[in-house]
N, C-alpha and C. Protein backbone atom coordinates (compact mmCIF):
# COMPACT_ATOMS: atom_id res chain seq x y z
N MET A 1 0.85 -1.17 0.00
CA MET A 1 0.00 0.00 0.00
C MET A 1 0.89 1.23 0.00
N LYS A 2 0.60 2.16 -0.87
CA LYS A 2 1.42 3.35 -0.97
C LYS A 2 1.02 4.33 0.12
N SER A 3 1.93 5.26 0.41
CA SER A 3 1.67 6.22 1.47
C SER A 3 0.51 7.16 1.10
N GLY A 4 0.33 7.43 -0.20
CA GLY A 4 -0.79 8.27 -0.63
C GLY A 4 -2.13 7.61 -0.31
N GLN A 5 -2.19 6.28 -0.53
CA GLN A 5 -3.41 5.53 -0.24
C GLN A 5 -3.64 5.47 1.27
N LYS A 6 -2.58 5.33 2.05
CA LYS A 6 -2.70 5.31 3.51
C LYS A 6 -3.27 6.64 4.01
N PHE A 7 -2.79 7.73 3.41
CA PHE A 7 -3.25 9.05 3.82
C PHE A 7 -4.73 9.23 3.48
N LYS A 8 -5.16 8.74 2.32
CA LYS A 8 -6.58 8.82 1.94
C LYS A 8 -7.44 7.99 2.90
N ASN A 9 -6.95 6.80 3.26
CA ASN A 9 -7.67 5.97 4.23
C ASN A 9 -7.76 6.66 5.59
N PHE A 10 -6.65 7.32 5.98
CA PHE A 10 -6.63 8.04 7.24
C PHE A 10 -7.65 9.19 7.21
N GLN A 11 -7.70 9.94 6.10
CA GLN A 11 -8.67 11.03 5.96
C GLN A 11 -10.10 10.50 6.03
N ALA A 12 -10.34 9.37 5.37
CA ALA A 12 -11.68 8.79 5.39
C ALA A 12 -12.06 8.34 6.80
N ALA A 13 -11.10 7.78 7.53
CA ALA A 13 -11.36 7.35 8.91
C ALA A 13 -11.67 8.55 9.80
N ILE A 14 -10.93 9.64 9.63
CA ILE A 14 -11.18 10.85 10.41
C ILE A 14 -12.56 11.41 10.07
N ALA A 15 -12.90 11.46 8.79
CA ALA A 15 -14.21 11.98 8.37
C ALA A 15 -15.34 11.11 8.92
N LEU A 16 -15.15 9.80 8.87
CA LEU A 16 -16.16 8.88 9.40
C LEU A 16 -16.34 9.08 10.90
N ASN A 17 -15.21 9.23 11.60
CA ASN A 17 -15.25 9.46 13.04
C ASN A 17 -15.97 10.77 13.35
N PHE A 18 -15.70 11.81 12.57
CA PHE A 18 -16.32 13.12 12.75
C PHE A 18 -17.84 13.03 12.57
N VAL A 19 -18.26 12.34 11.50
CA VAL A 19 -19.69 12.20 11.23
C VAL A 19 -20.36 11.41 12.33
N TYR A 20 -19.73 10.31 12.74
CA TYR A 20 -20.31 9.50 13.81
C TYR A 20 -20.44 10.31 15.10
N PHE A 21 -19.38 11.00 15.49
CA PHE A 21 -19.36 11.72 16.75
C PHE A 21 -20.38 12.85 16.76
N ASN A 22 -20.55 13.56 15.64
CA ASN A 22 -21.41 14.74 15.61
C ASN A 22 -22.86 14.45 15.24
N PHE A 23 -23.11 13.37 14.50
CA PHE A 23 -24.47 13.15 14.01
C PHE A 23 -25.11 11.84 14.45
N VAL A 24 -24.36 10.91 15.00
CA VAL A 24 -24.92 9.62 15.37
C VAL A 24 -24.91 9.42 16.88
N LYS A 25 -23.77 9.65 17.49
CA LYS A 25 -23.61 9.39 18.92
C LYS A 25 -24.43 10.39 19.74
N THR A 26 -25.11 9.89 20.77
CA THR A 26 -25.83 10.81 21.67
C THR A 26 -24.87 11.25 22.76
N HIS A 27 -24.84 12.52 22.99
CA HIS A 27 -23.93 13.10 23.97
C HIS A 27 -24.68 13.35 25.27
N GLY A 28 -23.92 13.61 26.32
CA GLY A 28 -24.53 13.95 27.60
C GLY A 28 -25.36 15.21 27.50
N ALA A 29 -24.91 16.18 26.71
CA ALA A 29 -25.65 17.43 26.54
C ALA A 29 -27.00 17.15 25.88
N MET A 30 -27.04 16.24 24.94
CA MET A 30 -28.29 15.90 24.28
C MET A 30 -29.23 15.20 25.25
N ASP A 31 -28.69 14.33 26.10
CA ASP A 31 -29.52 13.67 27.09
C ASP A 31 -30.13 14.69 28.04
N GLU A 32 -29.32 15.65 28.46
CA GLU A 32 -29.82 16.71 29.34
C GLU A 32 -30.89 17.54 28.62
N ARG A 33 -30.64 17.86 27.37
CA ARG A 33 -31.61 18.64 26.59
C ARG A 33 -32.92 17.87 26.44
N ASN A 34 -32.83 16.57 26.17
CA ASN A 34 -34.04 15.76 26.03
C ASN A 34 -34.80 15.68 27.35
N ARG A 35 -34.05 15.55 28.45
CA ARG A 35 -34.68 15.50 29.77
C ARG A 35 -35.42 16.81 30.04
N LEU A 36 -34.76 17.94 29.74
CA LEU A 36 -35.39 19.23 29.95
C LEU A 36 -36.58 19.42 29.02
N LEU A 37 -36.46 18.95 27.79
CA LEU A 37 -37.56 19.05 26.84
C LEU A 37 -38.77 18.28 27.34
N LYS A 38 -38.55 17.06 27.84
CA LYS A 38 -39.64 16.26 28.37
C LYS A 38 -40.27 16.93 29.58
N ALA A 39 -39.44 17.54 30.44
CA ALA A 39 -39.96 18.25 31.60
C ALA A 39 -40.79 19.45 31.17
N ASN A 40 -40.32 20.18 30.17
CA ASN A 40 -41.07 21.34 29.68
C ASN A 40 -42.40 20.91 29.06
N ILE A 41 -42.39 19.82 28.32
CA ILE A 41 -43.63 19.31 27.73
C ILE A 41 -44.61 18.93 28.83
N ALA A 42 -44.11 18.30 29.89
CA ALA A 42 -44.98 17.93 31.01
C ALA A 42 -45.56 19.18 31.67
N LEU A 43 -44.74 20.22 31.81
CA LEU A 43 -45.23 21.47 32.41
C LEU A 43 -46.28 22.13 31.53
N ILE A 44 -46.08 22.11 30.22
CA ILE A 44 -47.05 22.69 29.30
C ILE A 44 -48.38 21.94 29.38
N LYS A 45 -48.32 20.61 29.43
CA LYS A 45 -49.54 19.82 29.54
C LYS A 45 -50.26 20.11 30.86
N GLU A 46 -49.49 20.22 31.94
CA GLU A 46 -50.08 20.53 33.25
C GLU A 46 -50.71 21.92 33.23
N ASN A 47 -50.04 22.87 32.59
CA ASN A 47 -50.56 24.23 32.49
C ASN A 47 -51.87 24.25 31.71
N LYS A 48 -51.92 23.51 30.60
CA LYS A 48 -53.16 23.44 29.82
C LYS A 48 -54.28 22.80 30.62
N ARG A 49 -53.94 21.75 31.37
CA ARG A 49 -54.94 21.08 32.20
C ARG A 49 -55.48 22.04 33.25
N LEU A 50 -54.58 22.82 33.87
CA LEU A 50 -55.01 23.79 34.88
C LEU A 50 -55.86 24.89 34.26
N GLN A 51 -55.52 25.31 33.04
CA GLN A 51 -56.32 26.33 32.37
C GLN A 51 -57.74 25.84 32.11
N VAL A 52 -57.85 24.59 31.66
CA VAL A 52 -59.17 24.01 31.40
C VAL A 52 -59.95 23.91 32.70
N GLU A 53 -59.27 23.45 33.75
CA GLU A 53 -59.92 23.32 35.06
C GLU A 53 -60.37 24.69 35.57
N PHE A 54 -59.53 25.71 35.40
CA PHE A 54 -59.87 27.07 35.82
C PHE A 54 -61.09 27.58 35.06
N ARG A 55 -61.11 27.37 33.73
CA ARG A 55 -62.24 27.81 32.92
C ARG A 55 -63.53 27.12 33.36
N ASN A 56 -63.44 25.81 33.64
CA ASN A 56 -64.63 25.08 34.08
C ASN A 56 -65.11 25.61 35.43
N ASN A 57 -64.17 25.85 36.34
CA ASN A 57 -64.55 26.39 37.66
C ASN A 57 -65.13 27.79 37.53
N LEU A 58 -64.58 28.59 36.63
CA LEU A 58 -65.07 29.94 36.42
C LEU A 58 -66.50 29.90 35.86
N ALA A 59 -66.75 29.00 34.93
CA ALA A 59 -68.10 28.86 34.38
C ALA A 59 -69.07 28.41 35.47
N GLU A 60 -68.63 27.49 36.32
CA GLU A 60 -69.47 27.01 37.41
C GLU A 60 -69.76 28.15 38.40
N LEU A 61 -68.73 28.93 38.73
CA LEU A 61 -68.92 30.06 39.63
C LEU A 61 -69.85 31.10 39.02
N ASN A 62 -69.72 31.33 37.73
CA ASN A 62 -70.59 32.28 37.05
C ASN A 62 -72.05 31.83 37.15
N GLY A 63 -72.28 30.54 36.93
CA GLY A 63 -73.64 30.01 37.07
C GLY A 63 -74.17 30.14 38.48
N LEU A 64 -73.32 29.85 39.47
CA LEU A 64 -73.74 29.98 40.87
C LEU A 64 -74.04 31.44 41.21
N PHE A 65 -73.23 32.34 40.69
CA PHE A 65 -73.44 33.76 40.95
C PHE A 65 -74.77 34.23 40.36
N ARG A 66 -75.08 33.77 39.16
CA ARG A 66 -76.35 34.15 38.53
C ARG A 66 -77.55 33.62 39.33
N LYS A 67 -77.44 32.37 39.82
CA LYS A 67 -78.51 31.81 40.65
C LYS A 67 -78.65 32.60 41.95
N PHE A 68 -77.51 32.97 42.53
CA PHE A 68 -77.52 33.75 43.77
C PHE A 68 -78.22 35.09 43.55
N ARG A 69 -77.89 35.80 42.47
CA ARG A 69 -78.51 37.10 42.18
C ARG A 69 -80.00 36.94 41.92
N ALA A 70 -80.39 35.87 41.20
CA ALA A 70 -81.81 35.64 40.92
C ALA A 70 -82.56 35.37 42.22
N ASN A 71 -81.97 34.57 43.11
CA ASN A 71 -82.61 34.30 44.40
C ASN A 71 -82.70 35.56 45.25
N LEU A 72 -81.66 36.39 45.22
CA LEU A 72 -81.68 37.63 45.98
C LEU A 72 -82.78 38.54 45.49
N LYS A 73 -82.89 38.68 44.18
CA LYS A 73 -83.94 39.54 43.61
C LYS A 73 -85.33 38.99 43.95
N LYS A 74 -85.45 37.67 43.90
CA LYS A 74 -86.74 37.04 44.16
C LYS A 74 -87.12 37.20 45.63
N ASN A 75 -86.18 36.91 46.53
CA ASN A 75 -86.47 36.91 47.96
C ASN A 75 -86.54 38.31 48.54
N HIS A 76 -85.74 39.20 48.12
CA HIS A 76 -85.68 40.53 48.72
C HIS A 76 -86.25 41.61 47.82
N LYS A 77 -86.75 41.21 46.69
CA LYS A 77 -87.38 42.13 45.75
C LYS A 77 -86.51 43.36 45.52
N LEU A 78 -85.28 43.07 45.06
CA LEU A 78 -84.37 44.16 44.77
C LEU A 78 -84.84 44.87 43.52
N ASN A 79 -84.94 46.15 43.62
CA ASN A 79 -85.29 46.97 42.46
C ASN A 79 -84.21 48.00 42.26
N LYS A 80 -84.07 48.42 41.03
CA LYS A 80 -83.13 49.48 40.75
C LYS A 80 -83.70 50.78 41.31
N PRO A 81 -82.86 51.64 41.88
CA PRO A 81 -83.37 52.90 42.38
C PRO A 81 -83.89 53.77 41.24
N ASP A 82 -84.95 54.50 41.54
CA ASP A 82 -85.52 55.38 40.51
C ASP A 82 -84.54 56.49 40.21
N SER A 83 -84.48 56.85 38.94
CA SER A 83 -83.57 57.91 38.53
C SER A 83 -84.23 59.28 38.61
N ASN A 84 -85.47 59.39 39.15
CA ASN A 84 -86.18 60.66 39.26
C ASN A 84 -85.58 61.53 40.33
């Protein structure tokens, strides 16, 4: 094998190593990023769940408030003050 061919093989080995290290192998930083990504996704899902729960509770409170006002008007005969 000539030295020129050895050098080409060496270059190919370095290029292969570079591609493997940068595009195939998972690094610790990637594992950390994936862990943080999963945690953020979980937080987003929890936030959406809480928003839905808040909206449902708000609608329920609104309904209770309307019933309360209707009962107050019925029982105490609340009237608007005359503007005269």
